[in-house]
């Protein structure tokens, strides 16, 4: 029997019939229970606030990513401009070298210094070398090599740089006698200076300085990249980066993610060309039992290390990993 608690007109109406009447009239549960309507609206408000906060977070992340991409694009454009400038300066240098050689030949012919090309005198050779060195000082200035005359010869300064960043300078005191000699220098002991001098110093001092400059700039570039990797990504590298004095062998470890699990990659970079700042080999190995998909990732990472500066390649790899997460 239904309990009669409601009054309809002058008669009592059961509760069930009263609720049915309310729903049929369209007023719904909110009309019957005002407190329930308030709870529902409160929950809707909280849900709206949560969605808006999430959208704002996504928008902030998208903006941050867009700024980063713009910065990377600008760096790429700057690198292209610098490479074009280097190419232009090298072409100018080669042109000046050719002009200097022609001028030297004319001067020697004009002054009659070469009377017997087969057996030039020691004085003739010495004067020719002095004139040649004088002309070189201006030519090499464009390629990071400068010098000044000394009482017994020339003091050369070879400045090194990597992608527009000035690094170190090295000095050589050259004695200009019947046989050109290196009196003293600040070239590191692991640079093959004696071998380079044996091959080029007596025959072509310009070639000697150019080859030595290539060796020093490549070494400085490799060392700079390793320093940048340690300074900027120490939190991502496991342990310490190992390198030899010439920086033509680098070994380091870092973690990658697969199915939300970390797996270590061991990297070994070999620089077979000592006149180059990029590795000729990039060997990446992972622990036994790692997923097969990591083999493809290791190959992609190896390719990046071979074609890009070390710190830039590592930055692009961790950025790509972060975007995938």
C-alpha atoms as a PDB file:
ATOM      1  CA  UNK A   1       0.000   0.000   0.000  1.00  0.00           C
ATOM      2  CA  UNK A   2       1.496   3.459  -1.095  1.00  0.00           C
ATOM      3  CA  UNK A   3       2.203   5.964   1.640  1.00  0.00           C
ATOM      4  CA  UNK A   4       0.080   9.096   1.327  1.00  0.00           C
ATOM      5  CA  UNK A   5       2.225  12.105   2.131  1.00  0.00           C
ATOM      6  CA  UNK A   6       1.199  14.547  -0.618  1.00  0.00           C
ATOM      7  CA  UNK A   7      -2.037  16.462  -0.902  1.00  0.00           C
ATOM      8  CA  UNK A   8      -3.647  17.113  -4.285  1.00  0.00           C
ATOM      9  CA  UNK A   9      -6.495  19.542  -3.915  1.00  0.00           C
ATOM     10  CA  UNK A  10      -8.249  18.491  -0.716  1.00  0.00           C
ATOM     11  CA  UNK A  11      -7.212  14.873  -0.950  1.00  0.00           C
ATOM     12  CA  UNK A  12      -4.072  12.980  -0.242  1.00  0.00           C
ATOM     13  CA  UNK A  13      -2.050  11.614  -3.187  1.00  0.00           C
ATOM     14  CA  UNK A  14       0.566   8.792  -2.926  1.00  0.00           C
ATOM     15  CA  UNK A  15       4.291   9.803  -3.322  1.00  0.00           C
ATOM     16  CA  UNK A  16       4.835   7.683  -6.431  1.00  0.00           C
ATOM     17  CA  UNK A  17       1.927   9.315  -8.233  1.00  0.00           C
ATOM     18  CA  UNK A  18       3.181  12.784  -7.250  1.00  0.00           C
ATOM     19  CA  UNK A  19       6.675  12.164  -8.693  1.00  0.00           C
ATOM     20  CA  UNK A  20       5.209  10.763 -11.892  1.00  0.00           C
ATOM     21  CA  UNK A  21       3.177  13.925 -12.238  1.00  0.00           C
ATOM     22  CA  UNK A  22       6.268  16.104 -11.813  1.00  0.00           C
ATOM     23  CA  UNK A  23       8.255  14.254 -14.522  1.00  0.00           C
ATOM     24  CA  UNK A  24       5.334  14.328 -16.947  1.00  0.00           C
ATOM     25  CA  UNK A  25       4.962  18.072 -16.489  1.00  0.00           C
ATOM     26  CA  UNK A  26       8.551  18.487 -17.774  1.00  0.00           C
ATOM     27  CA  UNK A  27       9.973  19.963 -14.609  1.00  0.00           C
ATOM     28  CA  UNK A  28      12.204  16.929 -14.095  1.00  0.00           C
ATOM     29  CA  UNK A  29      14.278  15.836 -11.160  1.00  0.00           C
ATOM     30  CA  UNK A  30      15.611  19.353 -10.634  1.00  0.00           C
ATOM     31  CA  UNK A  31      12.150  20.652  -9.855  1.00  0.00           C
ATOM     32  CA  UNK A  32      11.472  17.826  -7.460  1.00  0.00           C
ATOM     33  CA  UNK A  33      14.950  18.020  -5.826  1.00  0.00           C
ATOM     34  CA  UNK A  34      16.566  21.469  -6.179  1.00  0.00           C
ATOM     35  CA  UNK A  35      19.711  20.349  -4.334  1.00  0.00           C
ATOM     36  CA  UNK A  36      20.374  17.636  -6.998  1.00  0.00           C
ATOM     37  CA  UNK A  37      20.294  20.205  -9.797  1.00  0.00           C
ATOM     38  CA  UNK A  38      22.896  22.276  -7.961  1.00  0.00           C
ATOM     39  CA  UNK A  39      25.233  19.295  -7.629  1.00  0.00           C
ATOM     40  CA  UNK A  40      24.978  18.492 -11.346  1.00  0.00           C
ATOM     41  CA  UNK A  41      25.723  22.079 -12.364  1.00  0.00           C
ATOM     42  CA  UNK A  42      28.678  22.160  -9.974  1.00  0.00           C
ATOM     43  CA  UNK A  43      30.150  19.018 -11.539  1.00  0.00           C
ATOM     44  CA  UNK A  44      29.662  20.451 -15.041  1.00  0.00           C
ATOM     45  CA  UNK A  45      31.522  23.590 -13.998  1.00  0.00           C
ATOM     46  CA  UNK A  46      34.424  21.563 -12.643  1.00  0.00           C
ATOM     47  CA  UNK A  47      34.567  19.487 -15.830  1.00  0.00           C
ATOM     48  CA  UNK A  48      34.613  22.662 -17.949  1.00  0.00           C
ATOM     49  CA  UNK A  49      37.474  24.102 -15.870  1.00  0.00           C
ATOM     50  CA  UNK A  50      39.491  20.886 -16.269  1.00  0.00           C
ATOM     51  CA  UNK A  51      39.068  20.842 -20.050  1.00  0.00           C
ATOM     52  CA  UNK A  52      40.019  24.511 -20.340  1.00  0.00           C
ATOM     53  CA  UNK A  53      43.134  23.986 -18.227  1.00  0.00           C
ATOM     54  CA  UNK A  54      44.156  21.033 -20.390  1.00  0.00           C
ATOM     55  CA  UNK A  55      43.588  23.040 -23.574  1.00  0.00           C
ATOM     56  CA  UNK A  56      45.690  25.894 -22.196  1.00  0.00           C
ATOM     57  CA  UNK A  57      48.506  23.425 -21.421  1.00  0.00           C
ATOM     58  CA  UNK A  58      48.355  22.025 -24.951  1.00  0.00           C
ATOM     59  CA  UNK A  59      48.369  25.521 -26.416  1.00  0.00           C
ATOM     60  CA  UNK A  60      51.423  26.484 -24.338  1.00  0.00           C
ATOM     61  CA  UNK A  61      53.279  23.341 -25.416  1.00  0.00           C
ATOM     62  CA  UNK A  62      52.373  23.953 -29.073  1.00  0.00           C
ATOM     63  CA  UNK A  63      53.640  27.530 -28.820  1.00  0.00           C
ATOM     64  CA  UNK A  64      56.880  26.374 -27.202  1.00  0.00           C
ATOM     65  CA  UNK A  65      57.383  23.749 -29.909  1.00  0.00           C
ATOM     66  CA  UNK A  66      56.710  26.318 -32.649  1.00  0.00           C
ATOM     67  CA  UNK A  67      59.316  28.682 -31.177  1.00  0.00           C
ATOM     68  CA  UNK A  68      61.838  25.853 -30.991  1.00  0.00           C
ATOM     69  CA  UNK A  69      61.192  24.872 -34.600  1.00  0.00           C
ATOM     70  CA  UNK A  70      61.604  28.489 -35.701  1.00  0.00           C
ATOM     71  CA  UNK A  71      64.912  28.673 -33.834  1.00  0.00           C
ATOM     72  CA  UNK A  72      66.144  25.463 -35.468  1.00  0.00           C
ATOM     73  CA  UNK A  73      65.117  26.735 -38.917  1.00  0.00           C
ATOM     74  CA  UNK A  74      66.966  29.982 -38.301  1.00  0.00           C
ATOM     75  CA  UNK A  75      70.070  28.061 -37.212  1.00  0.00           C
ATOM     76  CA  UNK A  76      69.899  25.970 -40.398  1.00  0.00           C
ATOM     77  CA  UNK A  77      69.614  29.107 -42.517  1.00  0.00           C
ATOM     78  CA  UNK A  78      72.545  30.672 -40.661  1.00  0.00           C
ATOM     79  CA  UNK A  79      74.619  27.540 -41.245  1.00  0.00           C
ATOM     80  CA  UNK A  80      73.824  27.638 -44.979  1.00  0.00           C
ATOM     81  CA  UNK A  81      74.879  31.301 -45.121  1.00  0.00           C
ATOM     82  CA  UNK A  82      78.124  30.579 -43.262  1.00  0.00           C
ATOM     83  CA  UNK A  83      78.961  27.652 -45.536  1.00  0.00           C
ATOM     84  CA  UNK A  84      78.342  29.828 -48.582  1.00  0.00           C
ATOM     85  CA  UNK A  85      80.594  32.512 -47.083  1.00  0.00           C
ATOM     86  CA  UNK A  86      83.354  29.978 -46.402  1.00  0.00           C
ATOM     87  CA  UNK A  87      83.105  28.701 -49.967  1.00  0.00           C
ATOM     88  CA  UNK A  88      83.321  32.254 -51.266  1.00  0.00           C
ATOM     89  CA  UNK A  89      86.382  33.058 -49.122  1.00  0.00           C
ATOM     90  CA  UNK A  90      88.142  29.868 -50.169  1.00  0.00           C
ATOM     91  CA  UNK A  91      87.562  30.694 -53.818  1.00  0.00           C
ATOM     92  CA  UNK A  92      88.959  34.176 -53.191  1.00  0.00           C
ATOM     93  CA  UNK A  93      91.938  32.686 -51.380  1.00  0.00           C
ATOM     94  CA  UNK A  94      92.700  30.337 -54.290  1.00  0.00           C
ATOM     95  CA  UNK A  95      92.403  33.239 -56.712  1.00  0.00           C
ATOM     96  CA  UNK A  96      94.847  35.319 -54.671  1.00  0.00           C
ATOM     97  CA  UNK A  97      97.261  32.413 -54.424  1.00  0.00           C
ATOM     98  CA  UNK A  98      97.285  32.095 -58.195  1.00  0.00           C
ATOM     99  CA  UNK A  99      97.906  35.831 -58.591  1.00  0.00           C
ATOM    100  CA  UNK A 100     100.752  35.738 -56.063  1.00  0.00           C
ATOM    101  CA  UNK A 101     102.417  32.827 -57.825  1.00  0.00           C
ATOM    102  CA  UNK A 102     102.212  34.651 -61.157  1.00  0.00           C
ATOM    103  CA  UNK A 103     103.585  37.825 -59.592  1.00  0.00           C
ATOM    104  CA  UNK A 104     106.481  35.923 -58.010  1.00  0.00           C
ATOM    105  CA  UNK A 105     107.329  34.384 -61.368  1.00  0.00           C
ATOM    106  CA  UNK A 106     107.314  37.791 -63.076  1.00  0.00           C
ATOM    107  CA  UNK A 107     109.531  39.306 -60.362  1.00  0.00           C
ATOM    108  CA  UNK A 108     112.043  36.501 -60.610  1.00  0.00           C
ATOM    109  CA  UNK A 109     112.138  36.767 -64.395  1.00  0.00           C
ATOM    110  CA  UNK A 110     112.439  40.556 -64.260  1.00  0.00           C
ATOM    111  CA  UNK A 111     115.261  40.618 -61.709  1.00  0.00           C
ATOM    112  CA  UNK A 112     117.113  37.811 -63.448  1.00  0.00           C
ATOM    113  CA  UNK A 113     117.427  35.800 -60.274  1.00  0.00           C
ATOM    114  CA  UNK A 114     117.022  32.513 -62.051  1.00  0.00           C
ATOM    115  CA  UNK A 115     119.958  32.372 -64.421  1.00  0.00           C
ATOM    116  CA  UNK A 116     120.230  28.622 -64.430  1.00  0.00           C
ATOM    117  CA  UNK A 117     116.925  26.937 -63.523  1.00  0.00           C
ATOM    118  CA  UNK A 118     118.657  23.601 -63.216  1.00  0.00           C
ATOM    119  CA  UNK A 119     121.092  24.774 -60.505  1.00  0.00           C
ATOM    120  CA  UNK A 120     119.932  27.957 -58.736  1.00  0.00           C
ATOM    121  CA  UNK A 121     122.353  29.404 -56.208  1.00  0.00           C
ATOM    122  CA  UNK A 122     121.655  29.274 -52.449  1.00  0.00           C
ATOM    123  CA  UNK A 123     121.229  33.060 -52.374  1.00  0.00           C
ATOM    124  CA  UNK A 124     118.713  32.881 -55.206  1.00  0.00           C
ATOM    125  CA  UNK A 125     116.685  30.237 -53.408  1.00  0.00           C
ATOM    126  CA  UNK A 126     116.771  32.203 -50.137  1.00  0.00           C
ATOM    127  CA  UNK A 127     115.621  35.437 -51.776  1.00  0.00           C
ATOM    128  CA  UNK A 128     112.845  33.612 -53.592  1.00  0.00           C
ATOM    129  CA  UNK A 129     111.645  32.040 -50.342  1.00  0.00           C
ATOM    130  CA  UNK A 130     111.599  35.402 -48.552  1.00  0.00           C
ATOM    131  CA  UNK A 131     109.588  36.988 -51.351  1.00  0.00           C
ATOM    132  CA  UNK A 132     107.237  34.021 -51.371  1.00  0.00           C
ATOM    133  CA  UNK A 133     106.638  34.232 -47.615  1.00  0.00           C
ATOM    134  CA  UNK A 134     105.976  37.976 -47.784  1.00  0.00           C
ATOM    135  CA  UNK A 135     103.294  37.399 -50.389  1.00  0.00           C
ATOM    136  CA  UNK A 136     101.780  34.583 -48.364  1.00  0.00           C
ATOM    137  CA  UNK A 137     101.129  36.688 -45.271  1.00  0.00           C
ATOM    138  CA  UNK A 138      98.368  38.610 -46.998  1.00  0.00           C
ATOM    139  CA  UNK A 139      96.905  35.621 -48.796  1.00  0.00           C
ATOM    140  CA  UNK A 140      96.594  33.379 -45.740  1.00  0.00           C
ATOM    141  CA  UNK A 141      94.931  36.070 -43.647  1.00  0.00           C
ATOM    142  CA  UNK A 142      91.613  35.169 -45.286  1.00  0.00           C
ATOM    143  CA  UNK A 143      91.890  31.533 -44.201  1.00  0.00           C
ATOM    144  CA  UNK A 144      92.680  32.093 -40.518  1.00  0.00           C
ATOM    145  CA  UNK A 145      96.476  32.150 -40.948  1.00  0.00           C
ATOM    146  CA  UNK A 146      98.407  35.307 -40.218  1.00  0.00           C
ATOM    147  CA  UNK A 147     102.067  36.067 -39.683  1.00  0.00           C
ATOM    148  CA  UNK A 148     104.726  38.683 -39.147  1.00  0.00           C
ATOM    149  CA  UNK A 149     108.340  38.962 -40.172  1.00  0.00           C
ATOM    150  CA  UNK A 150     111.047  38.226 -37.625  1.00  0.00           C
ATOM    151  CA  UNK A 151     114.804  38.728 -37.823  1.00  0.00           C
ATOM    152  CA  UNK A 152     115.364  35.173 -38.960  1.00  0.00           C
ATOM    153  CA  UNK A 153     112.117  34.330 -40.683  1.00  0.00           C
ATOM    154  CA  UNK A 154     108.390  34.460 -39.997  1.00  0.00           C
ATOM    155  CA  UNK A 155     106.133  33.771 -37.010  1.00  0.00           C
ATOM    156  CA  UNK A 156     102.845  32.260 -38.187  1.00  0.00           C
ATOM    157  CA  UNK A 157      99.595  32.184 -36.209  1.00  0.00           C
ATOM    158  CA  UNK A 158      96.946  29.608 -37.138  1.00  0.00           C
ATOM    159  CA  UNK A 159      93.522  30.464 -35.688  1.00  0.00           C
ATOM    160  CA  UNK A 160      90.879  27.757 -35.378  1.00  0.00           C
ATOM    161  CA  UNK A 161      87.092  28.045 -35.365  1.00  0.00           C
ATOM    162  CA  UNK A 162      84.045  25.821 -35.685  1.00  0.00           C
ATOM    163  CA  UNK A 163      80.798  26.975 -37.318  1.00  0.00           C
ATOM    164  CA  UNK A 164      81.523  30.607 -36.591  1.00  0.00           C
ATOM    165  CA  UNK A 165      82.804  30.065 -33.027  1.00  0.00           C
ATOM    166  CA  UNK A 166      86.418  31.158 -32.478  1.00  0.00           C
ATOM    167  CA  UNK A 167      88.410  28.516 -30.594  1.00  0.00           C
ATOM    168  CA  UNK A 168      92.210  28.433 -30.204  1.00  0.00           C
ATOM    169  CA  UNK A 169      95.322  29.791 -31.909  1.00  0.00           C
ATOM    170  CA  UNK A 170      98.651  28.041 -32.506  1.00  0.00           C
ATOM    171  CA  UNK A 171     102.024  29.567 -33.345  1.00  0.00           C
ATOM    172  CA  UNK A 172     105.033  28.515 -35.419  1.00  0.00           C
ATOM    173  CA  UNK A 173     108.387  30.257 -35.686  1.00  0.00           C
ATOM    174  CA  UNK A 174     109.845  29.462 -39.108  1.00  0.00           C
ATOM    175  CA  UNK A 175     113.513  30.025 -39.882  1.00  0.00           C
ATOM    176  CA  UNK A 176     114.048  30.994 -43.511  1.00  0.00           C
ATOM    177  CA  UNK A 177     117.438  29.685 -44.549  1.00  0.00           C
ATOM    178  CA  UNK A 178     118.631  27.604 -47.438  1.00  0.00           C
ATOM    179  CA  UNK A 179     116.545  24.929 -45.720  1.00  0.00           C
ATOM    180  CA  UNK A 180     113.323  26.094 -44.046  1.00  0.00           C
ATOM    181  CA  UNK A 181     113.178  25.002 -40.402  1.00  0.00           C
ATOM    182  CA  UNK A 182     110.631  25.110 -37.552  1.00  0.00           C
ATOM    183  CA  UNK A 183     112.395  26.766 -34.626  1.00  0.00           C
ATOM    184  CA  UNK A 184     109.567  26.467 -32.058  1.00  0.00           C
ATOM    185  CA  UNK A 185     105.805  26.004 -32.028  1.00  0.00           C
ATOM    186  CA  UNK A 186     102.717  25.504 -29.840  1.00  0.00           C
ATOM    187  CA  UNK A 187     101.134  22.760 -31.944  1.00  0.00           C
ATOM    188  CA  UNK A 188      99.886  19.848 -29.743  1.00  0.00           C
ATOM    189  CA  UNK A 189     102.172  16.816 -29.740  1.00  0.00           C
ATOM    190  CA  UNK A 190      99.450  14.516 -31.114  1.00  0.00           C
ATOM    191  CA  UNK A 191      99.129  16.549 -34.328  1.00  0.00           C
ATOM    192  CA  UNK A 192     101.429  14.914 -36.949  1.00  0.00           C
ATOM    193  CA  UNK A 193     103.494  18.071 -37.433  1.00  0.00           C
ATOM    194  CA  UNK A 194     106.741  16.287 -38.322  1.00  0.00           C
ATOM    195  CA  UNK A 195     105.045  14.183 -40.981  1.00  0.00           C
ATOM    196  CA  UNK A 196     103.308  17.216 -42.510  1.00  0.00           C
ATOM    197  CA  UNK A 197     106.590  19.188 -42.475  1.00  0.00           C
ATOM    198  CA  UNK A 198     108.475  16.313 -44.084  1.00  0.00           C
ATOM    199  CA  UNK A 199     105.941  16.113 -46.906  1.00  0.00           C
ATOM    200  CA  UNK A 200     105.419  19.825 -47.644  1.00  0.00           C
ATOM    201  CA  UNK A 201     107.649  22.296 -45.756  1.00  0.00           C
ATOM    202  CA  UNK A 202     110.612  22.361 -48.119  1.00  0.00           C
ATOM    203  CA  UNK A 203     108.678  21.915 -51.362  1.00  0.00           C
ATOM    204  CA  UNK A 204     105.682  24.183 -50.731  1.00  0.00           C
ATOM    205  CA  UNK A 205     105.348  26.155 -47.503  1.00  0.00           C
ATOM    206  CA  UNK A 206     101.859  27.331 -48.498  1.00  0.00           C
ATOM    207  CA  UNK A 207     100.713  23.751 -48.801  1.00  0.00           C
ATOM    208  CA  UNK A 208     102.377  22.941 -45.459  1.00  0.00           C
ATOM    209  CA  UNK A 209     100.448  25.688 -43.650  1.00  0.00           C
ATOM    210  CA  UNK A 210      97.159  24.798 -45.353  1.00  0.00           C
ATOM    211  CA  UNK A 211      97.409  21.107 -44.394  1.00  0.00           C
ATOM    212  CA  UNK A 212      98.453  21.941 -40.836  1.00  0.00           C
ATOM    213  CA  UNK A 213      95.537  24.369 -40.560  1.00  0.00           C
ATOM    214  CA  UNK A 214      93.127  21.651 -41.730  1.00  0.00           C
ATOM    215  CA  UNK A 215      94.430  19.273 -39.046  1.00  0.00           C
ATOM    216  CA  UNK A 216      94.202  21.897 -36.278  1.00  0.00           C
ATOM    217  CA  UNK A 217      90.724  23.089 -37.253  1.00  0.00           C
ATOM    218  CA  UNK A 218      89.389  19.527 -37.465  1.00  0.00           C
ATOM    219  CA  UNK A 219      90.853  18.679 -34.040  1.00  0.00           C
ATOM    220  CA  UNK A 220      89.446  21.878 -32.521  1.00  0.00           C
ATOM    221  CA  UNK A 221      86.027  21.128 -34.049  1.00  0.00           C
ATOM    222  CA  UNK A 222      85.943  17.567 -32.684  1.00  0.00           C
ATOM    223  CA  UNK A 223      86.962  18.746 -29.221  1.00  0.00           C
ATOM    224  CA  UNK A 224      84.392  21.550 -29.290  1.00  0.00           C
ATOM    225  CA  UNK A 225      81.573  19.132 -30.179  1.00  0.00           C
ATOM    226  CA  UNK A 226      82.557  16.757 -27.360  1.00  0.00           C
ATOM    227  CA  UNK A 227      82.681  19.655 -24.876  1.00  0.00           C
ATOM    228  CA  UNK A 228      79.248  20.853 -25.989  1.00  0.00           C
ATOM    229  CA  UNK A 229      77.782  17.370 -25.574  1.00  0.00           C
ATOM    230  CA  UNK A 230      79.105  17.119 -22.008  1.00  0.00           C
ATOM    231  CA  UNK A 231      78.038  20.636 -21.024  1.00  0.00           C
ATOM    232  CA  UNK A 232      74.533  20.636 -22.522  1.00  0.00           C
ATOM    233  CA  UNK A 233      73.437  17.014 -22.112  1.00  0.00           C
ATOM    234  CA  UNK A 234      75.167  15.748 -18.977  1.00  0.00           C
ATOM    235  CA  UNK A 235      71.764  14.740 -17.558  1.00  0.00           C
ATOM    236  CA  UNK A 236      71.073  12.500 -20.573  1.00  0.00           C
ATOM    237  CA  UNK A 237      74.483  10.789 -20.809  1.00  0.00           C
ATOM    238  CA  UNK A 238      75.088   7.765 -18.618  1.00  0.00           C
ATOM    239  CA  UNK A 239      78.503   8.034 -16.983  1.00  0.00           C
ATOM    240  CA  UNK A 240      81.223  10.124 -18.604  1.00  0.00           C
ATOM    241  CA  UNK A 241      82.157  10.690 -22.219  1.00  0.00           C
ATOM    242  CA  UNK A 242      85.466   8.977 -23.023  1.00  0.00           C
ATOM    243  CA  UNK A 243      87.868  10.488 -25.569  1.00  0.00           C
ATOM    244  CA  UNK A 244      91.507  10.323 -26.543  1.00  0.00           C
ATOM    245  CA  UNK A 245      93.846  13.311 -26.864  1.00  0.00           C
ATOM    246  CA  UNK A 246      93.224  13.780 -30.588  1.00  0.00           C
ATOM    247  CA  UNK A 247      89.452  13.431 -30.075  1.00  0.00           C
ATOM    248  CA  UNK A 248      89.266  11.026 -33.007  1.00  0.00           C
ATOM    249  CA  UNK A 249      87.701   8.351 -30.777  1.00  0.00           C
ATOM    250  CA  UNK A 250      84.649   9.114 -28.626  1.00  0.00           C
ATOM    251  CA  UNK A 251      82.634   6.660 -26.516  1.00  0.00           C
ATOM    252  CA  UNK A 252      79.515   7.427 -24.483  1.00  0.00           C
ATOM    253  CA  UNK A 253      76.202   5.872 -23.370  1.00  0.00           C
ATOM    254  CA  UNK A 254      72.654   7.177 -23.266  1.00  0.00           C
ATOM    255  CA  UNK A 255      69.170   5.732 -22.779  1.00  0.00           C
ATOM    256  CA  UNK A 256      66.310   5.462 -25.267  1.00  0.00           C
ATOM    257  CA  UNK A 257      62.702   4.464 -24.601  1.00  0.00           C
ATOM    258  CA  UNK A 258      60.780   1.575 -26.109  1.00  0.00           C
ATOM    259  CA  UNK A 259      57.292   0.693 -24.830  1.00  0.00           C
ATOM    260  CA  UNK A 260      57.884   3.116 -21.932  1.00  0.00           C
ATOM    261  CA  UNK A 261      60.994   1.173 -20.871  1.00  0.00           C
ATOM    262  CA  UNK A 262      64.539   2.585 -20.949  1.00  0.00           C
ATOM    263  CA  UNK A 263      67.238   0.784 -22.937  1.00  0.00           C
ATOM    264  CA  UNK A 264      70.915   1.826 -23.027  1.00  0.00           C
ATOM    265  CA  UNK A 265      72.668   2.707 -26.289  1.00  0.00           C
ATOM    266  CA  UNK A 266      76.463   2.533 -26.400  1.00  0.00           C
ATOM    267  CA  UNK A 267      78.009   4.849 -28.993  1.00  0.00           C
ATOM    268  CA  UNK A 268      81.494   4.632 -30.486  1.00  0.00           C
ATOM    269  CA  UNK A 269      82.523   7.375 -32.918  1.00  0.00           C
ATOM    270  CA  UNK A 270      85.638   6.917 -35.068  1.00  0.00           C
ATOM    271  CA  UNK A 271      87.192   9.784 -37.037  1.00  0.00           C
ATOM    272  CA  UNK A 272      89.272   8.133 -39.752  1.00  0.00           C
ATOM    273  CA  UNK A 273      89.947  11.422 -41.552  1.00  0.00           C
ATOM    274  CA  UNK A 274      92.006  13.628 -39.220  1.00  0.00           C
ATOM    275  CA  UNK A 275      91.223  16.664 -41.378  1.00  0.00           C
ATOM    276  CA  UNK A 276      87.489  16.257 -40.805  1.00  0.00           C
ATOM    277  CA  UNK A 277      85.338  17.085 -37.762  1.00  0.00           C
ATOM    278  CA  UNK A 278      82.637  14.504 -38.579  1.00  0.00           C
ATOM    279  CA  UNK A 279      83.066  10.778 -37.851  1.00  0.00           C
ATOM    280  CA  UNK A 280      83.674   8.248 -40.589  1.00  0.00           C
ATOM    281  CA  UNK A 281      82.081   5.524 -38.436  1.00  0.00           C
ATOM    282  CA  UNK A 282      79.312   5.677 -35.833  1.00  0.00           C
ATOM    283  CA  UNK A 283      78.817   2.325 -34.132  1.00  0.00           C
ATOM    284  CA  UNK A 284      75.775   2.010 -31.856  1.00  0.00           C
ATOM    285  CA  UNK A 285      75.040  -1.139 -29.873  1.00  0.00           C
ATOM    286  CA  UNK A 286      72.317  -2.009 -27.365  1.00  0.00           C
ATOM    287  CA  UNK A 287      72.006  -4.662 -24.662  1.00  0.00           C
ATOM    288  CA  UNK A 288      71.073  -8.259 -25.546  1.00  0.00           C
ATOM    289  CA  UNK A 289      67.361  -8.936 -25.391  1.00  0.00           C
ATOM    290  CA  UNK A 290      66.384  -5.431 -26.507  1.00  0.00           C
ATOM    291  CA  UNK A 291      63.315  -5.155 -28.791  1.00  0.00           C
ATOM    292  CA  UNK A 292      63.948  -5.621 -32.507  1.00  0.00           C
ATOM    293  CA  UNK A 293      62.582  -2.126 -33.194  1.00  0.00           C
ATOM    294  CA  UNK A 294      65.652  -0.641 -31.474  1.00  0.00           C
ATOM    295  CA  UNK A 295      67.877  -1.882 -34.318  1.00  0.00           C
ATOM    296  CA  UNK A 296      66.173   0.529 -36.734  1.00  0.00           C
ATOM    297  CA  UNK A 297      66.423   3.320 -34.159  1.00  0.00           C
ATOM    298  CA  UNK A 298      70.147   2.636 -33.693  1.00  0.00           C
ATOM    299  CA  UNK A 299      70.698   2.825 -37.473  1.00  0.00           C
ATOM    300  CA  UNK A 300      68.882   6.179 -37.633  1.00  0.00           C
ATOM    301  CA  UNK A 301      70.934   7.537 -34.728  1.00  0.00           C
ATOM    302  CA  UNK A 302      74.155   6.343 -36.368  1.00  0.00           C
ATOM    303  CA  UNK A 303      73.281   8.180 -39.584  1.00  0.00           C
ATOM    304  CA  UNK A 304      72.547  11.381 -37.633  1.00  0.00           C
ATOM    305  CA  UNK A 305      75.919  11.261 -35.857  1.00  0.00           C
ATOM    306  CA  UNK A 306      77.761  10.823 -39.191  1.00  0.00           C
ATOM    307  CA  UNK A 307      76.184  13.781 -40.968  1.00  0.00           C
ATOM    308  CA  UNK A 308      75.643  16.342 -38.184  1.00  0.00           C
ATOM    309  CA  UNK A 309      77.724  17.975 -35.472  1.00  0.00           C
ATOM    310  CA  UNK A 310      77.688  15.727 -32.390  1.00  0.00           C
ATOM    311  CA  UNK A 311      75.795  18.039 -30.016  1.00  0.00           C
ATOM    312  CA  UNK A 312      73.303  19.054 -32.724  1.00  0.00           C
ATOM    313  CA  UNK A 313      72.643  15.440 -33.698  1.00  0.00           C
ATOM    314  CA  UNK A 314      72.064  14.456 -30.063  1.00  0.00           C
ATOM    315  CA  UNK A 315      69.727  17.400 -29.540  1.00  0.00           C
ATOM    316  CA  UNK A 316      67.654  16.483 -32.597  1.00  0.00           C
ATOM    317  CA  UNK A 317      67.421  12.846 -31.468  1.00  0.00           C
ATOM    318  CA  UNK A 318      66.165  13.589 -27.958  1.00  0.00           C
ATOM    319  CA  UNK A 319      63.766  16.213 -29.348  1.00  0.00           C
ATOM    320  CA  UNK A 320      62.325  13.634 -31.748  1.00  0.00           C
ATOM    321  CA  UNK A 321      61.989  11.142 -28.884  1.00  0.00           C
ATOM    322  CA  UNK A 322      60.204  13.748 -26.753  1.00  0.00           C
ATOM    323  CA  UNK A 323      57.708  14.567 -29.520  1.00  0.00           C
ATOM    324  CA  UNK A 324      56.884  10.889 -29.911  1.00  0.00           C
ATOM    325  CA  UNK A 325      56.152  10.599 -26.196  1.00  0.00           C
END
